[in-house]
C-alpha atoms as a PDB file:
ATOM      1  CA  UNK A   1       5.973  31.293   5.289  1.00  0.00           C
ATOM      2  CA  UNK A   2       2.604  30.476   6.317  1.00  0.00           C
ATOM      3  CA  UNK A   3       1.364  27.042   6.263  1.00  0.00           C
ATOM      4  CA  UNK A   4      -1.818  25.803   4.970  1.00  0.00           C
ATOM      5  CA  UNK A   5      -3.256  22.703   5.433  1.00  0.00           C
ATOM      6  CA  UNK A   6      -5.848  20.841   3.261  1.00  0.00           C
ATOM      7  CA  UNK A   7      -7.474  17.461   3.708  1.00  0.00           C
ATOM      8  CA  UNK A   8      -8.206  15.894   0.573  1.00  0.00           C
ATOM      9  CA  UNK A   9     -11.163  13.497   1.604  1.00  0.00           C
ATOM     10  CA  UNK A  10     -12.707  16.718   3.130  1.00  0.00           C
ATOM     11  CA  UNK A  11     -12.631  18.481  -0.211  1.00  0.00           C
ATOM     12  CA  UNK A  12     -13.852  18.545  -3.658  1.00  0.00           C
ATOM     13  CA  UNK A  13     -12.475  19.462  -7.063  1.00  0.00           C
ATOM     14  CA  UNK A  14     -13.979  23.119  -7.114  1.00  0.00           C
ATOM     15  CA  UNK A  15     -13.226  23.453  -3.197  1.00  0.00           C
ATOM     16  CA  UNK A  16      -9.558  22.727  -4.111  1.00  0.00           C
ATOM     17  CA  UNK A  17      -9.223  24.989  -7.019  1.00  0.00           C
ATOM     18  CA  UNK A  18     -10.750  27.950  -4.915  1.00  0.00           C
ATOM     19  CA  UNK A  19      -8.216  27.345  -2.012  1.00  0.00           C
ATOM     20  CA  UNK A  20      -5.520  27.335  -4.209  1.00  0.00           C
ATOM     21  CA  UNK A  21      -6.522  30.416  -6.065  1.00  0.00           C
ATOM     22  CA  UNK A  22      -6.612  32.386  -2.668  1.00  0.00           C
ATOM     23  CA  UNK A  23      -3.209  31.189  -1.749  1.00  0.00           C
ATOM     24  CA  UNK A  24      -0.419  33.833  -1.097  1.00  0.00           C
ATOM     25  CA  UNK A  25       2.482  33.405  -3.650  1.00  0.00           C
ATOM     26  CA  UNK A  26       4.927  32.581  -0.965  1.00  0.00           C
ATOM     27  CA  UNK A  27       3.548  29.747   1.300  1.00  0.00           C
ATOM     28  CA  UNK A  28       3.676  26.031   2.207  1.00  0.00           C
ATOM     29  CA  UNK A  29       0.849  23.886   1.543  1.00  0.00           C
ATOM     30  CA  UNK A  30       0.082  20.555   3.035  1.00  0.00           C
ATOM     31  CA  UNK A  31      -2.247  18.278   1.136  1.00  0.00           C
ATOM     32  CA  UNK A  32      -2.928  15.330   3.165  1.00  0.00           C
ATOM     33  CA  UNK A  33      -4.122  11.756   1.954  1.00  0.00           C
ATOM     34  CA  UNK A  34      -3.732  12.408  -1.632  1.00  0.00           C
ATOM     35  CA  UNK A  35      -4.408   8.789  -2.107  1.00  0.00           C
ATOM     36  CA  UNK A  36      -7.909   9.608  -1.573  1.00  0.00           C
ATOM     37  CA  UNK A  37      -7.923  11.809  -4.761  1.00  0.00           C
ATOM     38  CA  UNK A  38      -9.005   9.768  -7.866  1.00  0.00           C
ATOM     39  CA  UNK A  39     -11.229   7.366  -5.933  1.00  0.00           C
ATOM     40  CA  UNK A  40     -14.094   8.897  -8.004  1.00  0.00           C
ATOM     41  CA  UNK A  41     -12.675   8.774 -11.520  1.00  0.00           C
ATOM     42  CA  UNK A  42     -10.323   6.583 -13.528  1.00  0.00           C
ATOM     43  CA  UNK A  43      -8.175   6.921 -16.862  1.00  0.00           C
ATOM     44  CA  UNK A  44      -9.964   6.761 -20.162  1.00  0.00           C
ATOM     45  CA  UNK A  45      -9.286   3.172 -21.398  1.00  0.00           C
ATOM     46  CA  UNK A  46      -8.344   4.885 -24.855  1.00  0.00           C
ATOM     47  CA  UNK A  47      -5.397   6.477 -23.021  1.00  0.00           C
ATOM     48  CA  UNK A  48      -3.758   3.683 -21.348  1.00  0.00           C
ATOM     49  CA  UNK A  49      -0.905   3.786 -23.692  1.00  0.00           C
ATOM     50  CA  UNK A  50      -0.719   7.435 -24.054  1.00  0.00           C
ATOM     51  CA  UNK A  51       1.464   9.998 -22.051  1.00  0.00           C
ATOM     52  CA  UNK A  52      -1.485  12.290 -21.700  1.00  0.00           C
ATOM     53  CA  UNK A  53      -3.509  12.694 -18.489  1.00  0.00           C
ATOM     54  CA  UNK A  54      -6.937  12.288 -19.665  1.00  0.00           C
ATOM     55  CA  UNK A  55      -9.780  10.852 -17.353  1.00  0.00           C
ATOM     56  CA  UNK A  56     -13.427  10.297 -17.399  1.00  0.00           C
ATOM     57  CA  UNK A  57     -15.989  12.964 -15.779  1.00  0.00           C
ATOM     58  CA  UNK A  58     -15.379  13.379 -12.238  1.00  0.00           C
ATOM     59  CA  UNK A  59     -17.896  13.543  -9.378  1.00  0.00           C
ATOM     60  CA  UNK A  60     -18.514  16.772  -7.754  1.00  0.00           C
ATOM     61  CA  UNK A  61     -18.410  15.546  -4.106  1.00  0.00           C
ATOM     62  CA  UNK A  62     -14.790  14.645  -4.014  1.00  0.00           C
ATOM     63  CA  UNK A  63     -11.410  15.635  -5.302  1.00  0.00           C
ATOM     64  CA  UNK A  64     -10.574  13.599  -8.376  1.00  0.00           C
ATOM     65  CA  UNK A  65      -7.221  12.739  -9.848  1.00  0.00           C
ATOM     66  CA  UNK A  66      -7.663  14.970 -12.966  1.00  0.00           C
ATOM     67  CA  UNK A  67      -8.996  18.006 -10.625  1.00  0.00           C
ATOM     68  CA  UNK A  68      -5.693  17.542  -8.440  1.00  0.00           C
ATOM     69  CA  UNK A  69      -3.411  17.539 -11.433  1.00  0.00           C
ATOM     70  CA  UNK A  70      -5.079  20.407 -12.988  1.00  0.00           C
ATOM     71  CA  UNK A  71      -4.202  22.472  -9.633  1.00  0.00           C
ATOM     72  CA  UNK A  72      -0.573  21.028  -9.414  1.00  0.00           C
ATOM     73  CA  UNK A  73      -0.097  21.958 -12.959  1.00  0.00           C
ATOM     74  CA  UNK A  74      -1.824  25.711 -12.368  1.00  0.00           C
ATOM     75  CA  UNK A  75      -1.745  27.685  -9.401  1.00  0.00           C
ATOM     76  CA  UNK A  76       0.166  25.383  -7.321  1.00  0.00           C
ATOM     77  CA  UNK A  77       3.253  25.453  -9.725  1.00  0.00           C
ATOM     78  CA  UNK A  78       4.403  28.936  -8.546  1.00  0.00           C
ATOM     79  CA  UNK A  79       8.272  28.768  -7.728  1.00  0.00           C
ATOM     80  CA  UNK A  80       7.713  30.480  -4.292  1.00  0.00           C
ATOM     81  CA  UNK A  81       4.918  27.990  -3.237  1.00  0.00           C
ATOM     82  CA  UNK A  82       6.269  24.740  -1.402  1.00  0.00           C
ATOM     83  CA  UNK A  83       3.773  21.921  -1.685  1.00  0.00           C
ATOM     84  CA  UNK A  84       4.083  18.742   0.531  1.00  0.00           C
ATOM     85  CA  UNK A  85       1.705  15.956   0.143  1.00  0.00           C
ATOM     86  CA  UNK A  86       1.058  12.982   2.389  1.00  0.00           C
ATOM     87  CA  UNK A  87      -0.135   9.391   1.938  1.00  0.00           C
ATOM     88  CA  UNK A  88       0.051   6.201   3.859  1.00  0.00           C
ATOM     89  CA  UNK A  89      -0.398   4.139   0.533  1.00  0.00           C
ATOM     90  CA  UNK A  90       2.206   5.241  -2.020  1.00  0.00           C
ATOM     91  CA  UNK A  91       1.850   2.516  -4.014  1.00  0.00           C
ATOM     92  CA  UNK A  92      -2.149   3.541  -4.567  1.00  0.00           C
ATOM     93  CA  UNK A  93      -0.645   6.683  -6.215  1.00  0.00           C
ATOM     94  CA  UNK A  94      -1.133   7.105 -10.113  1.00  0.00           C
ATOM     95  CA  UNK A  95       2.194   7.692 -12.026  1.00  0.00           C
ATOM     96  CA  UNK A  96       0.681  10.697 -13.553  1.00  0.00           C
ATOM     97  CA  UNK A  97       0.777  12.139  -9.975  1.00  0.00           C
ATOM     98  CA  UNK A  98       4.170  11.041  -8.916  1.00  0.00           C
ATOM     99  CA  UNK A  99       6.214  11.546 -12.190  1.00  0.00           C
ATOM    100  CA  UNK A 100       9.194  13.686 -11.935  1.00  0.00           C
ATOM    101  CA  UNK A 101       7.850  17.607 -12.452  1.00  0.00           C
ATOM    102  CA  UNK A 102       5.041  17.154 -10.376  1.00  0.00           C
ATOM    103  CA  UNK A 103       6.640  15.455  -7.317  1.00  0.00           C
ATOM    104  CA  UNK A 104      10.530  16.478  -7.006  1.00  0.00           C
ATOM    105  CA  UNK A 105      11.184  14.622  -3.954  1.00  0.00           C
ATOM    106  CA  UNK A 106       9.911  11.519  -2.238  1.00  0.00           C
ATOM    107  CA  UNK A 107      10.448  10.673   1.454  1.00  0.00           C
ATOM    108  CA  UNK A 108       9.577   7.716   3.256  1.00  0.00           C
ATOM    109  CA  UNK A 109       8.872   7.969   7.051  1.00  0.00           C
ATOM    110  CA  UNK A 110       9.444   4.630   8.400  1.00  0.00           C
ATOM    111  CA  UNK A 111       8.691   2.814  11.616  1.00  0.00           C
ATOM    112  CA  UNK A 112      10.716   3.929  14.733  1.00  0.00           C
ATOM    113  CA  UNK A 113      13.796   2.227  15.632  1.00  0.00           C
ATOM    114  CA  UNK A 114      15.067   2.505  19.357  1.00  0.00           C
ATOM    115  CA  UNK A 115      17.304   5.455  18.454  1.00  0.00           C
ATOM    116  CA  UNK A 116      14.101   7.326  17.218  1.00  0.00           C
ATOM    117  CA  UNK A 117      12.268   6.119  20.389  1.00  0.00           C
ATOM    118  CA  UNK A 118      15.148   7.552  22.604  1.00  0.00           C
ATOM    119  CA  UNK A 119      14.860  10.770  20.898  1.00  0.00           C
ATOM    120  CA  UNK A 120      11.258  11.160  21.184  1.00  0.00           C
ATOM    121  CA  UNK A 121      11.342  10.489  24.861  1.00  0.00           C
ATOM    122  CA  UNK A 122      14.163  13.130  25.227  1.00  0.00           C
ATOM    123  CA  UNK A 123      12.390  15.691  23.280  1.00  0.00           C
ATOM    124  CA  UNK A 124       8.976  15.145  25.116  1.00  0.00           C
ATOM    125  CA  UNK A 125      10.525  14.978  28.838  1.00  0.00           C
ATOM    126  CA  UNK A 126      13.841  17.217  28.341  1.00  0.00           C
ATOM    127  CA  UNK A 127      11.645  20.331  28.290  1.00  0.00           C
ATOM    128  CA  UNK A 128      10.643  19.642  31.807  1.00  0.00           C
ATOM    129  CA  UNK A 129      13.592  21.632  33.441  1.00  0.00           C
ATOM    130  CA  UNK A 130      13.680  22.412  37.285  1.00  0.00           C
ATOM    131  CA  UNK A 131      13.014  25.951  38.146  1.00  0.00           C
ATOM    132  CA  UNK A 132      16.260  26.753  39.052  1.00  0.00           C
ATOM    133  CA  UNK A 133      19.340  28.655  37.669  1.00  0.00           C
ATOM    134  CA  UNK A 134      21.964  26.400  38.848  1.00  0.00           C
ATOM    135  CA  UNK A 135      23.908  24.555  36.126  1.00  0.00           C
ATOM    136  CA  UNK A 136      24.757  21.881  38.169  1.00  0.00           C
ATOM    137  CA  UNK A 137      21.098  20.914  38.837  1.00  0.00           C
ATOM    138  CA  UNK A 138      20.175  21.399  35.129  1.00  0.00           C
ATOM    139  CA  UNK A 139      22.922  18.952  34.194  1.00  0.00           C
ATOM    140  CA  UNK A 140      21.539  16.482  36.715  1.00  0.00           C
ATOM    141  CA  UNK A 141      18.447  16.396  35.379  1.00  0.00           C
ATOM    142  CA  UNK A 142      19.506  16.204  31.656  1.00  0.00           C
ATOM    143  CA  UNK A 143      21.447  13.103  32.816  1.00  0.00           C
ATOM    144  CA  UNK A 144      18.453  11.470  34.483  1.00  0.00           C
ATOM    145  CA  UNK A 145      16.393  12.016  31.376  1.00  0.00           C
ATOM    146  CA  UNK A 146      19.026  10.486  29.376  1.00  0.00           C
ATOM    147  CA  UNK A 147      18.844   7.329  31.497  1.00  0.00           C
ATOM    148  CA  UNK A 148      15.309   7.279  31.147  1.00  0.00           C
ATOM    149  CA  UNK A 149      15.115   7.793  27.508  1.00  0.00           C
ATOM    150  CA  UNK A 150      17.499   4.525  27.181  1.00  0.00           C
ATOM    151  CA  UNK A 151      15.346   2.633  29.520  1.00  0.00           C
ATOM    152  CA  UNK A 152      12.377   3.482  27.612  1.00  0.00           C
ATOM    153  CA  UNK A 153      13.818   2.808  24.288  1.00  0.00           C
ATOM    154  CA  UNK A 154      14.919  -0.644  25.093  1.00  0.00           C
ATOM    155  CA  UNK A 155      11.331  -1.626  25.739  1.00  0.00           C
ATOM    156  CA  UNK A 156      10.214  -0.331  22.420  1.00  0.00           C
ATOM    157  CA  UNK A 157      10.425  -3.087  19.579  1.00  0.00           C
ATOM    158  CA  UNK A 158      12.444  -2.160  16.620  1.00  0.00           C
ATOM    159  CA  UNK A 159      10.204  -0.993  13.613  1.00  0.00           C
ATOM    160  CA  UNK A 160       7.233  -1.908  15.564  1.00  0.00           C
ATOM    161  CA  UNK A 161       5.651   1.510  15.884  1.00  0.00           C
ATOM    162  CA  UNK A 162       5.494   4.849  14.189  1.00  0.00           C
ATOM    163  CA  UNK A 163       6.863   7.902  15.853  1.00  0.00           C
ATOM    164  CA  UNK A 164       3.274   9.299  16.157  1.00  0.00           C
ATOM    165  CA  UNK A 165       2.157   6.111  18.098  1.00  0.00           C
ATOM    166  CA  UNK A 166       5.048   6.668  20.356  1.00  0.00           C
ATOM    167  CA  UNK A 167       4.585  10.019  21.032  1.00  0.00           C
ATOM    168  CA  UNK A 168       0.953   9.689  21.687  1.00  0.00           C
ATOM    169  CA  UNK A 169       1.653   7.236  24.439  1.00  0.00           C
ATOM    170  CA  UNK A 170       4.124   9.521  26.135  1.00  0.00           C
ATOM    171  CA  UNK A 171       1.557  12.568  26.061  1.00  0.00           C
ATOM    172  CA  UNK A 172      -0.509  10.395  28.598  1.00  0.00           C
ATOM    173  CA  UNK A 173       2.606  10.710  30.942  1.00  0.00           C
ATOM    174  CA  UNK A 174       3.473  14.195  30.344  1.00  0.00           C
ATOM    175  CA  UNK A 175       4.286  14.947  33.839  1.00  0.00           C
ATOM    176  CA  UNK A 176       5.069  11.530  35.047  1.00  0.00           C
ATOM    177  CA  UNK A 177       8.121  10.463  33.064  1.00  0.00           C
ATOM    178  CA  UNK A 178       8.923   7.267  35.374  1.00  0.00           C
ATOM    179  CA  UNK A 179       5.338   5.994  34.801  1.00  0.00           C
ATOM    180  CA  UNK A 180       5.769   5.955  30.904  1.00  0.00           C
ATOM    181  CA  UNK A 181       8.647   3.511  31.520  1.00  0.00           C
ATOM    182  CA  UNK A 182       6.957   1.416  34.286  1.00  0.00           C
ATOM    183  CA  UNK A 183       4.001   0.869  31.914  1.00  0.00           C
ATOM    184  CA  UNK A 184       5.533   0.678  28.537  1.00  0.00           C
ATOM    185  CA  UNK A 185       5.669  -3.229  28.224  1.00  0.00           C
ATOM    186  CA  UNK A 186       2.063  -3.382  28.987  1.00  0.00           C
ATOM    187  CA  UNK A 187       1.517  -0.751  26.373  1.00  0.00           C
ATOM    188  CA  UNK A 188       3.830  -2.619  23.811  1.00  0.00           C
ATOM    189  CA  UNK A 189       1.880  -5.751  24.367  1.00  0.00           C
ATOM    190  CA  UNK A 190      -1.534  -4.310  24.022  1.00  0.00           C
ATOM    191  CA  UNK A 191      -0.703  -2.084  20.916  1.00  0.00           C
ATOM    192  CA  UNK A 192       0.872  -5.380  19.407  1.00  0.00           C
ATOM    193  CA  UNK A 193      -2.230  -7.347  19.877  1.00  0.00           C
ATOM    194  CA  UNK A 194      -4.286  -4.630  18.588  1.00  0.00           C
ATOM    195  CA  UNK A 195      -2.321  -4.548  15.270  1.00  0.00           C
ATOM    196  CA  UNK A 196      -2.456  -8.203  14.956  1.00  0.00           C
ATOM    197  CA  UNK A 197      -6.256  -8.210  15.238  1.00  0.00           C
ATOM    198  CA  UNK A 198      -6.698  -5.338  12.589  1.00  0.00           C
ATOM    199  CA  UNK A 199      -4.242  -7.245  10.395  1.00  0.00           C
ATOM    200  CA  UNK A 200      -6.417 -10.593  10.565  1.00  0.00           C
ATOM    201  CA  UNK A 201      -9.473  -8.558  10.032  1.00  0.00           C
ATOM    202  CA  UNK A 202      -7.927  -7.213   6.888  1.00  0.00           C
ATOM    203  CA  UNK A 203      -6.774 -10.623   5.690  1.00  0.00           C
ATOM    204  CA  UNK A 204     -10.716 -11.890   6.315  1.00  0.00           C
ATOM    205  CA  UNK A 205     -12.335  -8.769   4.474  1.00  0.00           C
ATOM    206  CA  UNK A 206     -10.018  -9.587   1.218  1.00  0.00           C
ATOM    207  CA  UNK A 207     -10.910 -12.989   1.439  1.00  0.00           C
ATOM    208  CA  UNK A 208     -14.516 -12.169   1.516  1.00  0.00           C
ATOM    209  CA  UNK A 209     -14.448 -10.143  -1.392  1.00  0.00           C
ATOM    210  CA  UNK A 210     -12.808 -12.734  -3.427  1.00  0.00           C
ATOM    211  CA  UNK A 211     -14.878 -15.538  -2.115  1.00  0.00           C
END
């Protein structure tokens, strides 16, 4: 099936409706950053204790929660259409969106452990086979990649980085696997430092908002 990708922050209600109306009956649709939907609208205060999905009038420049729900309950609900939604902030999602019937399965992608880091290294560099048809040389190369993958993984902190962050780092050394291991400790230190700075800045921002 064909895959269609829609970024919620770059769309509005009418655009989203038109895009879904033009989709084929059989396809996979990826809606990215769905937590961005609903930032321009809110539930009607009179419906807080109601099961209905009633919202205030949306702004036209953004995808609203009401607009997203209408699409999900309409043309997006065809049986042969697979809908995948992503978010970095699952706790921000409205219950009307996450209730059974609209989302059938929730999968959390956690930060990578060392096993995942090893698999990513093997995936990235295991493809670089020598230009030879000799089985013995292929086997020796696979063994080398396996040793390197283990050496790389032990330098990556457990549940410290996302798979995407690890892959982004390894891409820099696509043609020099050994350098990825040699420079890993420095990369880890730098990235942990960046994360700490961002976390502290976020805390300061929240304090200023409430101060």
